[in-house]
Protein backbone atom coordinates (compact mmCIF):
# COMPACT_ATOMS: atom_id res chain seq x y z
CA MET A 1 133.55 102.59 79.61
CA THR A 2 137.13 101.43 78.97
CA GLU A 3 138.30 103.29 82.09
CA LEU A 4 135.73 101.42 84.11
CA LEU A 5 136.90 98.11 82.65
CA ARG A 6 140.53 98.99 83.42
CA PHE A 7 139.58 99.96 86.94
CA LEU A 8 137.66 96.71 87.45
CA GLY A 9 140.58 94.73 85.99
CA ALA A 10 143.05 96.46 88.29
CA LEU A 11 140.72 95.91 91.24
CA TRP A 12 140.40 92.24 90.35
CA ARG A 13 144.16 91.88 90.04
CA ALA A 14 144.62 93.60 93.40
CA ILE A 15 142.07 91.32 95.03
CA VAL A 16 143.54 88.19 93.50
CA GLY A 17 147.06 89.37 94.38
CA ALA A 18 146.03 90.13 97.96
CA ALA A 19 144.30 86.77 98.20
CA ALA A 20 147.39 85.03 96.84
CA ASP A 21 149.64 86.90 99.28
CA ALA A 22 147.28 86.11 102.14
CA LEU A 23 147.17 82.47 101.11
CA GLU A 24 150.97 82.32 101.01
CA TRP A 25 151.17 84.03 104.41
CA VAL A 26 148.61 81.59 105.79
CA ARG A 27 150.52 78.58 104.36
CA LYS A 28 153.65 79.47 106.22
CA PRO A 29 153.74 77.73 109.48
CA GLY A 30 152.72 80.00 112.25
CA SER A 31 149.96 80.76 114.60
CA LYS A 32 146.29 80.03 114.39
CA LEU A 33 145.80 83.76 114.43
CA LYS A 34 146.72 83.81 110.77
CA VAL A 35 143.93 81.40 109.92
CA VAL A 36 141.40 83.35 111.97
CA CYS A 37 142.50 86.60 110.31
CA ALA A 38 142.24 85.03 106.86
CA VAL A 39 138.75 83.67 107.54
CA LEU A 40 137.64 87.02 108.95
CA ALA A 41 139.11 88.84 105.95
CA PHE A 42 137.32 86.50 103.55
CA GLY A 43 134.08 86.98 105.52
CA CYS A 44 134.47 90.77 105.38
CA LEU A 45 135.11 90.57 101.63
CA VAL A 46 131.97 88.48 101.02
CA SER A 47 129.94 90.72 103.33
CA GLY A 48 131.17 93.86 101.53
CA LEU A 49 130.37 92.45 98.08
CA THR A 50 126.92 91.38 99.27
CA ALA A 51 126.25 94.84 100.73
CA TYR A 52 127.41 96.46 97.48
CA GLU A 53 125.09 94.25 95.42
CA ARG A 54 122.16 95.03 97.71
CA GLU A 55 122.92 98.75 97.51
CA GLN A 56 122.81 98.52 93.72
CA ARG A 57 119.45 96.77 93.88
CA ILE A 58 118.14 99.44 96.24
CA GLU A 59 119.32 102.21 93.91
CA ASP A 60 117.65 100.49 90.95
CA LEU A 61 114.42 100.11 92.89
CA ASN A 62 114.57 103.76 94.00
CA ALA A 63 115.00 104.82 90.37
CA GLN A 64 112.01 102.68 89.41
CA VAL A 65 109.94 104.20 92.22
CA VAL A 66 110.86 107.73 91.07
CA LYS A 67 109.93 106.82 87.48
CA VAL A 68 106.61 105.27 88.56
CA LYS A 69 105.78 108.37 90.65
CA ALA A 70 106.58 110.65 87.71
CA ASP A 71 104.49 108.49 85.37
CA TRP A 72 101.64 108.48 87.89
CA ARG A 73 101.75 112.27 88.25
CA ALA A 74 101.76 112.72 84.47
CA TYR A 75 98.86 110.29 84.14
CA ALA A 76 96.93 112.05 86.92
CA GLU A 77 97.55 115.44 85.30
CA ARG A 78 96.41 114.10 81.93
CA LEU A 79 93.27 112.64 83.52
CA GLN A 80 92.58 115.92 85.33
CA ALA A 81 92.98 117.81 82.04
CA ASP A 82 90.61 115.35 80.37
CA VAL A 83 88.05 115.83 83.17
CA GLU A 84 88.34 119.61 82.92
CA ASP A 85 87.96 119.44 79.13
CA ARG A 86 84.92 117.18 79.49
CA ASP A 87 83.38 119.51 82.07
CA ARG A 88 83.98 122.50 79.78
CA ARG A 89 82.36 120.71 76.84
CA LEU A 90 79.42 119.63 79.02
CA ALA A 91 78.96 123.21 80.17
CA GLU A 92 78.95 124.35 76.54
CA VAL A 93 76.39 121.69 75.65
CA ALA A 94 74.25 122.65 78.65
CA ALA A 95 74.36 126.32 77.65
CA THR A 96 73.43 125.41 74.09
CA LEU A 97 70.56 123.23 75.32
CA ARG A 98 69.30 126.02 77.59
CA ALA A 99 69.37 128.46 74.66
CA GLU A 100 67.55 125.93 72.47
CA ALA A 101 64.97 125.39 75.23
CA GLU A 102 64.36 129.14 75.40
CA LYS A 103 63.97 129.22 71.61
CA LEU A 104 61.57 126.29 71.82
CA LYS A 105 59.49 128.06 74.48
CA LEU A 106 59.38 131.17 72.31
CA LEU A 107 58.37 129.11 69.26
CA GLN A 108 55.73 127.31 71.30
CA ALA A 109 54.30 130.64 72.43
CA GLN A 110 54.32 131.93 68.86
CA SER A 111 52.71 128.71 67.64
CA ALA A 112 49.99 128.91 70.30
CA GLU A 113 49.31 132.54 69.36
CA ALA A 114 49.18 131.60 65.67
CA LEU A 115 46.76 128.75 66.48
CA ARG A 116 44.51 131.13 68.46
CA ALA A 117 44.57 133.62 65.59
CA LEU A 118 43.85 130.84 63.07
CA ALA A 119 41.00 129.54 65.23
CA GLY A 120 39.56 133.05 65.31
CA LYS A 121 39.83 133.35 61.53
CA ILE A 122 38.26 129.91 61.04
CA GLU A 123 35.39 130.86 63.33
CA ALA A 124 34.93 134.16 61.52
CA SER A 125 35.00 132.46 58.12
CA GLU A 126 32.48 129.85 59.30
CA LYS A 127 30.19 132.63 60.51
CA ASP A 128 30.71 134.46 57.24
CA ALA A 129 29.96 131.27 55.26
CA ALA A 130 26.85 130.57 57.36
CA SER A 131 25.71 134.15 56.89
CA TRP A 132 26.30 133.97 53.13
CA LYS A 133 24.49 130.63 52.91
CA ALA A 134 21.51 132.06 54.83
CA ARG A 135 21.39 135.07 52.50
CA TYR A 136 21.78 132.77 49.48
CA GLU A 137 18.91 130.59 50.67
CA GLN A 138 16.74 133.67 51.12
CA ARG A 139 17.48 135.18 47.70
CA PRO A 140 14.52 136.51 45.77
CA ASP A 141 12.87 134.63 42.95
CA THR A 142 14.28 137.02 40.39
CA CYS A 143 17.77 136.16 41.49
CA LYS A 144 16.97 132.46 41.23
CA ALA A 145 15.64 133.00 37.70
CA ALA A 146 18.70 135.02 36.70
CA LEU A 147 20.99 132.27 38.02
CA GLU A 148 19.05 129.64 36.08
CA LEU A 149 19.40 131.75 32.90
CA LEU A 150 23.11 132.05 33.61
CA ASP A 151 23.36 128.28 34.10
CA SER A 152 21.70 127.66 30.72
CA ALA A 153 23.84 130.34 28.99
CA CYS A 154 27.15 129.14 30.52
CA PRO A 155 26.87 125.43 31.32
CA ALA A 156 30.59 125.33 32.21
CA LEU A 157 29.99 127.69 35.19
CA LYS A 158 27.01 125.75 36.52
CA GLY A 159 26.72 124.99 40.26
CA TYR A 160 27.76 128.22 42.02
């Protein structure tokens, strides 16, 4: 940093010294060529400094463009990774849902089979109950008498 400052100081001194020498040379009586040369030299100096400043701006803008492109690429890669991760998780969820749907179908089939079996058992028990009731209604008088004796002997068991 100090070398740069020394260089800039020396450059400034050289410019000021050259300008002072040129001004002294121009002050001496002489031709108009000196004035034209001095004006052209000053114009070249201003033009050179302006071009240098513009070049610095262009370099800064180029650096910003490179940084923005790098940031954009990183952002795009991160978004792509996020999309791939989301797709992977969605595929896992879909596979899990398909497996659960298969389990549900299996359970539904088992449930339907259990309901059919239960309906068959209910129907058989209803037939059995109807058959028992018919036999009970047709019991002989001796059985009725025995049940009445049992009812009087064990009032707690009455009503069967």
